[in-house]
C-alpha cells in the first residue's frame, strides 16, 4: 500500500501538477498527503485511475507523525 505522496513522487509530479490534473487546489492535495483531509470516493477513484492503480492500494488514511 502506498501513500498519495509516494505515488505522486514515483510519477515525478509536483503537487501543483497533480492538483491541476484532478481539478483541485494545491492545498487540498497537501492536506490529502499529510492526512488532514481525505478525498471523497469520487476523487479517490479519479486519483486511482490517474495513477493506474486499484483504489484499495492507496493509503489515504496515513497521518503525518508529529
PDB file of N, CA and C in Angstrom:
ATOM      1  N   UNK A   1       0.846  -1.175   0.000  1.00  0.00           N
ATOM      2  CA  UNK A   1       0.000   0.000   0.000  1.00  0.00           C
ATOM      3  C   UNK A   1       0.894   1.242   0.000  1.00  0.00           C
ATOM      4  N   UNK A   2       0.569   2.178  -0.865  1.00  0.00           N
ATOM      5  CA  UNK A   2       1.370   3.393  -0.979  1.00  0.00           C
ATOM      6  C   UNK A   2       0.521   4.620  -0.666  1.00  0.00           C
ATOM      7  N   UNK A   3       1.202   5.648  -0.201  1.00  0.00           N
ATOM      8  CA  UNK A   3       0.514   6.908   0.063  1.00  0.00           C
ATOM      9  C   UNK A   3       0.402   7.710  -1.234  1.00  0.00           C
ATOM     10  N   UNK A   4      -0.449   8.697  -1.202  1.00  0.00           N
ATOM     11  CA  UNK A   4      -0.602   9.576  -2.362  1.00  0.00           C
ATOM     12  C   UNK A   4       0.721  10.255  -2.692  1.00  0.00           C
ATOM     13  N   UNK A   5       1.433  10.700  -1.682  1.00  0.00           N
ATOM     14  CA  UNK A   5       2.720  11.363  -1.917  1.00  0.00           C
ATOM     15  C   UNK A   5       3.706  10.421  -2.607  1.00  0.00           C
ATOM     16  N   UNK A   6       3.738   9.167  -2.189  1.00  0.00           N
ATOM     17  CA  UNK A   6       4.643   8.195  -2.816  1.00  0.00           C
ATOM     18  C   UNK A   6       4.280   7.983  -4.280  1.00  0.00           C
ATOM     19  N   UNK A   7       3.000   7.827  -4.560  1.00  0.00           N
ATOM     20  CA  UNK A   7       2.564   7.644  -5.951  1.00  0.00           C
ATOM     21  C   UNK A   7       2.918   8.866  -6.797  1.00  0.00           C
ATOM     22  N   UNK A   8       2.670  10.036  -6.239  1.00  0.00           N
ATOM     23  CA  UNK A   8       2.945  11.280  -6.966  1.00  0.00           C
ATOM     24  C   UNK A   8       4.434  11.401  -7.276  1.00  0.00           C
ATOM     25  N   UNK A   9       5.265  11.118  -6.287  1.00  0.00           N
ATOM     26  CA  UNK A   9       6.714  11.233  -6.473  1.00  0.00           C
ATOM     27  C   UNK A   9       7.245  10.200  -7.462  1.00  0.00           C
ATOM     28  N   UNK A  10       6.667   8.996  -7.453  1.00  0.00           N
ATOM     29  CA  UNK A  10       7.075   7.965  -8.421  1.00  0.00           C
ATOM     30  C   UNK A  10       6.822   8.414  -9.854  1.00  0.00           C
ATOM     31  N   UNK A  11       5.795   9.231 -10.055  1.00  0.00           N
ATOM     32  CA  UNK A  11       5.458   9.747 -11.390  1.00  0.00           C
ATOM     33  C   UNK A  11       6.144  11.080 -11.671  1.00  0.00           C
ATOM     34  N   UNK A  12       7.022  11.496 -10.747  1.00  0.00           N
ATOM     35  CA  UNK A  12       7.733  12.772 -10.883  1.00  0.00           C
ATOM     36  C   UNK A  12       6.776  13.943 -11.086  1.00  0.00           C
ATOM     37  N   UNK A  13       5.688  13.932 -10.339  1.00  0.00           N
ATOM     38  CA  UNK A  13       4.696  15.008 -10.417  1.00  0.00           C
ATOM     39  C   UNK A  13       4.847  15.930  -9.216  1.00  0.00           C
ATOM     40  N   UNK A  14       4.593  17.196  -9.439  1.00  0.00           N
ATOM     41  CA  UNK A  14       4.529  18.134  -8.325  1.00  0.00           C
ATOM     42  C   UNK A  14       3.103  18.134  -7.782  1.00  0.00           C
ATOM     43  N   UNK A  15       2.935  18.699  -6.600  1.00  0.00           N
ATOM     44  CA  UNK A  15       1.584  18.837  -6.055  1.00  0.00           C
ATOM     45  C   UNK A  15       0.744  19.714  -6.985  1.00  0.00           C
ATOM     46  N   UNK A  16       1.367  20.719  -7.562  1.00  0.00           N
ATOM     47  CA  UNK A  16       0.651  21.619  -8.472  1.00  0.00           C
ATOM     48  C   UNK A  16       0.155  20.864  -9.705  1.00  0.00           C
ATOM     49  N   UNK A  17       0.987  20.014 -10.277  1.00  0.00           N
ATOM     50  CA  UNK A  17       0.589  19.227 -11.453  1.00  0.00           C
ATOM     51  C   UNK A  17      -0.543  18.262 -11.118  1.00  0.00           C
ATOM     52  N   UNK A  18      -0.443  17.624  -9.953  1.00  0.00           N
ATOM     53  CA  UNK A  18      -1.495  16.699  -9.536  1.00  0.00           C
ATOM     54  C   UNK A  18      -2.798  17.450  -9.290  1.00  0.00           C
ATOM     55  N   UNK A  19      -2.703  18.590  -8.645  1.00  0.00           N
ATOM     56  CA  UNK A  19      -3.894  19.402  -8.384  1.00  0.00           C
ATOM     57  C   UNK A  19      -4.576  19.795  -9.693  1.00  0.00           C
ATOM     58  N   UNK A  20      -3.790  20.198 -10.673  1.00  0.00           N
ATOM     59  CA  UNK A  20      -4.353  20.585 -11.967  1.00  0.00           C
ATOM     60  C   UNK A  20      -5.033  19.396 -12.646  1.00  0.00           C
ATOM     61  N   UNK A  21      -4.396  18.232 -12.596  1.00  0.00           N
ATOM     62  CA  UNK A  21      -4.954  17.031 -13.233  1.00  0.00           C
ATOM     63  C   UNK A  21      -6.276  16.612 -12.595  1.00  0.00           C
ATOM     64  N   UNK A  22      -6.410  16.873 -11.293  1.00  0.00           N
ATOM     65  CA  UNK A  22      -7.616  16.471 -10.564  1.00  0.00           C
ATOM     66  C   UNK A  22      -8.616  17.614 -10.377  1.00  0.00           C
ATOM     67  N   UNK A  23      -8.243  18.799 -10.882  1.00  0.00           N
ATOM     68  CA  UNK A  23      -9.084  19.994 -10.727  1.00  0.00           C
ATOM     69  C   UNK A  23      -9.343  20.296  -9.253  1.00  0.00           C
ATOM     70  N   UNK A  24      -8.248  20.285  -8.490  1.00  0.00           N
ATOM     71  CA  UNK A  24      -8.280  20.590  -7.065  1.00  0.00           C
ATOM     72  C   UNK A  24      -7.259  21.672  -6.767  1.00  0.00           C
ATOM     73  N   UNK A  25      -7.313  22.213  -5.569  1.00  0.00           N
ATOM     74  CA  UNK A  25      -6.305  23.185  -5.157  1.00  0.00           C
ATOM     75  C   UNK A  25      -5.057  22.445  -4.671  1.00  0.00           C
ATOM     76  N   UNK A  26      -3.938  23.136  -4.710  1.00  0.00           N
ATOM     77  CA  UNK A  26      -2.693  22.566  -4.205  1.00  0.00           C
ATOM     78  C   UNK A  26      -2.844  22.283  -2.713  1.00  0.00           C
ATOM     79  N   UNK A  27      -3.558  23.152  -2.002  1.00  0.00           N
ATOM     80  CA  UNK A  27      -3.734  22.931  -0.564  1.00  0.00           C
ATOM     81  C   UNK A  27      -4.537  21.663  -0.291  1.00  0.00           C
ATOM     82  N   UNK A  28      -5.499  21.335  -1.140  1.00  0.00           N
ATOM     83  CA  UNK A  28      -6.262  20.089  -0.967  1.00  0.00           C
ATOM     84  C   UNK A  28      -5.339  18.887  -1.123  1.00  0.00           C
ATOM     85  N   UNK A  29      -4.475  18.919  -2.135  1.00  0.00           N
ATOM     86  CA  UNK A  29      -3.520  17.821  -2.342  1.00  0.00           C
ATOM     87  C   UNK A  29      -2.604  17.702  -1.131  1.00  0.00           C
ATOM     88  N   UNK A  30      -2.112  18.820  -0.661  1.00  0.00           N
ATOM     89  CA  UNK A  30      -1.243  18.820   0.511  1.00  0.00           C
ATOM     90  C   UNK A  30      -1.949  18.214   1.721  1.00  0.00           C
ATOM     91  N   UNK A  31      -3.193  18.592   1.939  1.00  0.00           N
ATOM     92  CA  UNK A  31      -3.949  18.057   3.073  1.00  0.00           C
ATOM     93  C   UNK A  31      -4.197  16.559   2.926  1.00  0.00           C
ATOM     94  N   UNK A  32      -4.440  16.088   1.703  1.00  0.00           N
ATOM     95  CA  UNK A  32      -4.589  14.647   1.470  1.00  0.00           C
ATOM     96  C   UNK A  32      -3.287  13.934   1.838  1.00  0.00           C
ATOM     97  N   UNK A  33      -2.173  14.516   1.427  1.00  0.00           N
ATOM     98  CA  UNK A  33      -0.883  13.870   1.632  1.00  0.00           C
ATOM     99  C   UNK A  33      -0.473  13.810   3.096  1.00  0.00           C
ATOM    100  N   UNK A  34      -0.830  14.811   3.878  1.00  0.00           N
ATOM    101  CA  UNK A  34      -0.434  14.805   5.291  1.00  0.00           C
ATOM    102  C   UNK A  34      -1.512  14.226   6.203  1.00  0.00           C
ATOM    103  N   UNK A  35      -2.623  13.839   5.624  1.00  0.00           N
ATOM    104  CA  UNK A  35      -3.665  13.197   6.407  1.00  0.00           C
ATOM    105  C   UNK A  35      -4.602  14.133   7.135  1.00  0.00           C
ATOM    106  N   UNK A  36      -4.592  15.402   6.755  1.00  0.00           N
ATOM    107  CA  UNK A  36      -5.505  16.365   7.370  1.00  0.00           C
ATOM    108  C   UNK A  36      -6.904  16.256   6.787  1.00  0.00           C
ATOM    109  N   UNK A  37      -6.997  15.660   5.627  1.00  0.00           N
ATOM    110  CA  UNK A  37      -8.264  15.544   4.912  1.00  0.00           C
ATOM    111  C   UNK A  37      -8.208  14.276   4.064  1.00  0.00           C
ATOM    112  N   UNK A  38      -9.360  13.660   3.822  1.00  0.00           N
ATOM    113  CA  UNK A  38      -9.402  12.501   2.927  1.00  0.00           C
ATOM    114  C   UNK A  38     -10.290  12.834   1.732  1.00  0.00           C
ATOM    115  N   UNK A  39      -9.942  12.319   0.572  1.00  0.00           N
ATOM    116  CA  UNK A  39     -10.739  12.615  -0.617  1.00  0.00           C
ATOM    117  C   UNK A  39     -12.087  11.900  -0.578  1.00  0.00           C
ATOM    118  N   UNK A  40     -13.042  12.479  -1.268  1.00  0.00           N
ATOM    119  CA  UNK A  40     -14.332  11.805  -1.440  1.00  0.00           C
ATOM    120  C   UNK A  40     -14.092  10.539  -2.256  1.00  0.00           C
ATOM    121  N   UNK A  41     -15.060   9.658  -2.254  1.00  0.00           N
ATOM    122  CA  UNK A  41     -14.934   8.428  -3.042  1.00  0.00           C
ATOM    123  C   UNK A  41     -14.723   8.758  -4.514  1.00  0.00           C
ATOM    124  N   UNK A  42     -15.456   9.740  -5.006  1.00  0.00           N
ATOM    125  CA  UNK A  42     -15.332  10.148  -6.414  1.00  0.00           C
ATOM    126  C   UNK A  42     -13.905  10.614  -6.726  1.00  0.00           C
ATOM    127  N   UNK A  43     -13.334  11.436  -5.836  1.00  0.00           N
ATOM    128  CA  UNK A  43     -11.965  11.922  -6.047  1.00  0.00           C
ATOM    129  C   UNK A  43     -10.956  10.787  -5.882  1.00  0.00           C
ATOM    130  N   UNK A  44     -11.197   9.896  -4.926  1.00  0.00           N
ATOM    131  CA  UNK A  44     -10.287   8.768  -4.708  1.00  0.00           C
ATOM    132  C   UNK A  44     -10.232   7.880  -5.951  1.00  0.00           C
ATOM    133  N   UNK A  45     -11.374   7.679  -6.578  1.00  0.00           N
ATOM    134  CA  UNK A  45     -11.422   6.891  -7.814  1.00  0.00           C
ATOM    135  C   UNK A  45     -10.642   7.594  -8.921  1.00  0.00           C
ATOM    136  N   UNK A  46     -10.790   8.914  -9.030  1.00  0.00           N
ATOM    137  CA  UNK A  46     -10.037   9.672 -10.041  1.00  0.00           C
ATOM    138  C   UNK A  46      -8.536   9.564  -9.794  1.00  0.00           C
ATOM    139  N   UNK A  47      -8.147   9.626  -8.523  1.00  0.00           N
ATOM    140  CA  UNK A  47      -6.729   9.514  -8.175  1.00  0.00           C
ATOM    141  C   UNK A  47      -6.200   8.135  -8.570  1.00  0.00           C
ATOM    142  N   UNK A  48      -6.934   7.098  -8.220  1.00  0.00           N
ATOM    143  CA  UNK A  48      -6.519   5.732  -8.567  1.00  0.00           C
ATOM    144  C   UNK A  48      -6.416   5.564 -10.079  1.00  0.00           C
ATOM    145  N   UNK A  49      -7.392   6.083 -10.807  1.00  0.00           N
ATOM    146  CA  UNK A  49      -7.366   5.999 -12.273  1.00  0.00           C
ATOM    147  C   UNK A  49      -6.163   6.738 -12.846  1.00  0.00           C
ATOM    148  N   UNK A  50      -5.883   7.913 -12.307  1.00  0.00           N
ATOM    149  CA  UNK A  50      -4.759   8.717 -12.787  1.00  0.00           C
ATOM    150  C   UNK A  50      -3.434   7.966 -12.645  1.00  0.00           C
ATOM    151  N   UNK A  51      -3.278   7.263 -11.526  1.00  0.00           N
ATOM    152  CA  UNK A  51      -2.035   6.540 -11.281  1.00  0.00           C
ATOM    153  C   UNK A  51      -2.077   5.101 -11.783  1.00  0.00           C
ATOM    154  N   UNK A  52      -3.224   4.666 -12.283  1.00  0.00           N
ATOM    155  CA  UNK A  52      -3.339   3.322 -12.835  1.00  0.00           C
ATOM    156  C   UNK A  52      -3.204   2.220 -11.797  1.00  0.00           C
ATOM    157  N   UNK A  53      -3.726   2.491 -10.601  1.00  0.00           N
ATOM    158  CA  UNK A  53      -3.662   1.504  -9.519  1.00  0.00           C
ATOM    159  C   UNK A  53      -5.057   1.276  -8.953  1.00  0.00           C
ATOM    160  N   UNK A  54      -5.272   0.130  -8.308  1.00  0.00           N
ATOM    161  CA  UNK A  54      -6.573  -0.089  -7.667  1.00  0.00           C
ATOM    162  C   UNK A  54      -6.743   0.869  -6.488  1.00  0.00           C
ATOM    163  N   UNK A  55      -7.938   1.331  -6.279  1.00  0.00           N
ATOM    164  CA  UNK A  55      -8.197   2.270  -5.185  1.00  0.00           C
ATOM    165  C   UNK A  55      -7.780   1.685  -3.836  1.00  0.00           C
ATOM    166  N   UNK A  56      -7.911   0.368  -3.691  1.00  0.00           N
ATOM    167  CA  UNK A  56      -7.566  -0.292  -2.430  1.00  0.00           C
ATOM    168  C   UNK A  56      -6.069  -0.240  -2.129  1.00  0.00           C
ATOM    169  N   UNK A  57      -5.264   0.055  -3.132  1.00  0.00           N
ATOM    170  CA  UNK A  57      -3.814   0.053  -2.932  1.00  0.00           C
ATOM    171  C   UNK A  57      -3.270   1.409  -2.497  1.00  0.00           C
ATOM    172  N   UNK A  58      -4.146   2.390  -2.342  1.00  0.00           N
ATOM    173  CA  UNK A  58      -3.709   3.723  -1.924  1.00  0.00           C
ATOM    174  C   UNK A  58      -4.074   3.929  -0.462  1.00  0.00           C
ATOM    175  N   UNK A  59      -3.081   4.335   0.321  1.00  0.00           N
ATOM    176  CA  UNK A  59      -3.300   4.601   1.741  1.00  0.00           C
ATOM    177  C   UNK A  59      -3.657   6.079   1.913  1.00  0.00           C
ATOM    178  N   UNK A  60      -4.949   6.353   1.999  1.00  0.00           N
ATOM    179  CA  UNK A  60      -5.419   7.726   2.183  1.00  0.00           C
ATOM    180  C   UNK A  60      -5.529   8.104   3.660  1.00  0.00           C
ATOM    181  N   UNK A  61      -5.251   7.165   4.545  1.00  0.00           N
ATOM    182  CA  UNK A  61      -5.509   7.414   5.959  1.00  0.00           C
ATOM    183  C   UNK A  61      -4.260   7.538   6.812  1.00  0.00           C
ATOM    184  N   UNK A  62      -3.090   7.537   6.203  1.00  0.00           N
ATOM    185  CA  UNK A  62      -1.860   7.729   6.972  1.00  0.00           C
ATOM    186  C   UNK A  62      -1.827   9.137   7.520  1.00  0.00           C
ATOM    187  N   UNK A  63      -1.377   9.243   8.712  1.00  0.00           N
ATOM    188  CA  UNK A  63      -1.238  10.552   9.347  1.00  0.00           C
ATOM    189  C   UNK A  63       0.232  10.903   9.426  1.00  0.00           C
ATOM    190  N   UNK A  64       0.526  12.170   9.226  1.00  0.00           N
ATOM    191  CA  UNK A  64       1.897  12.639   9.363  1.00  0.00           C
ATOM    192  C   UNK A  64       2.265  12.576  10.840  1.00  0.00           C
ATOM    193  N   UNK A  65       3.422  12.038  11.123  1.00  0.00           N
ATOM    194  CA  UNK A  65       3.848  11.943  12.520  1.00  0.00           C
ATOM    195  C   UNK A  65       4.387  13.274  12.991  1.00  0.00           C
ATOM    196  N   UNK A  66       4.034  13.635  14.200  1.00  0.00           N
ATOM    197  CA  UNK A  66       4.488  14.916  14.770  1.00  0.00           C
ATOM    198  C   UNK A  66       5.841  14.762  15.409  1.00  0.00           C
TER     199      UNK A  66
END
